[in-house]
Amino acid sequence: MAVHPYVIVYDVTPPRVTILRVWHGAQNRP
């Protein structure tokens, strides 16, 4: 898994859990 800028930027923000869930959903796609 490569660390994308979006993950880094959103990781600083409080609602990082939400973006992480969305990111996992996107990564789960074939």
Protein backbone atom coordinates (compact mmCIF):
# COMPACT_ATOMS: atom_id res chain seq x y z
CA MET A 1 0.00 0.00 0.00
CA ALA A 2 1.50 3.31 -1.05
CA VAL A 3 0.99 6.38 1.11
CA HIS A 4 -0.91 8.89 -0.98
CA PRO A 5 -0.95 12.67 -0.31
CA TYR A 6 -4.67 12.49 0.41
CA VAL A 7 -4.06 10.12 3.30
CA ILE A 8 -1.34 12.34 4.74
CA VAL A 9 -3.37 15.56 4.47
CA TYR A 10 -6.53 14.03 5.89
CA ASP A 11 -4.57 12.21 8.57
CA VAL A 12 -3.77 15.58 10.17
CA THR A 13 -7.45 16.49 10.32
CA PRO A 14 -9.69 15.15 13.13
CA PRO A 15 -12.13 13.29 10.81
CA ARG A 16 -9.27 11.06 9.68
CA VAL A 17 -11.31 8.00 10.62
CA THR A 18 -13.93 8.88 8.01
CA ILE A 19 -11.40 9.37 5.21
CA LEU A 20 -9.64 6.17 6.23
CA ARG A 21 -12.90 4.23 5.94
CA VAL A 22 -13.59 5.76 2.54
CA TRP A 23 -10.02 5.07 1.46
CA HIS A 24 -10.29 1.43 2.51
CA GLY A 25 -13.51 1.19 0.53
CA ALA A 26 -11.81 2.59 -2.56
CA GLN A 27 -8.83 0.25 -2.13
CA ASN A 28 -11.21 -2.69 -1.70
CA ARG A 29 -12.45 -2.11 -5.26
CA PRO A 30 -11.08 -4.56 -7.89
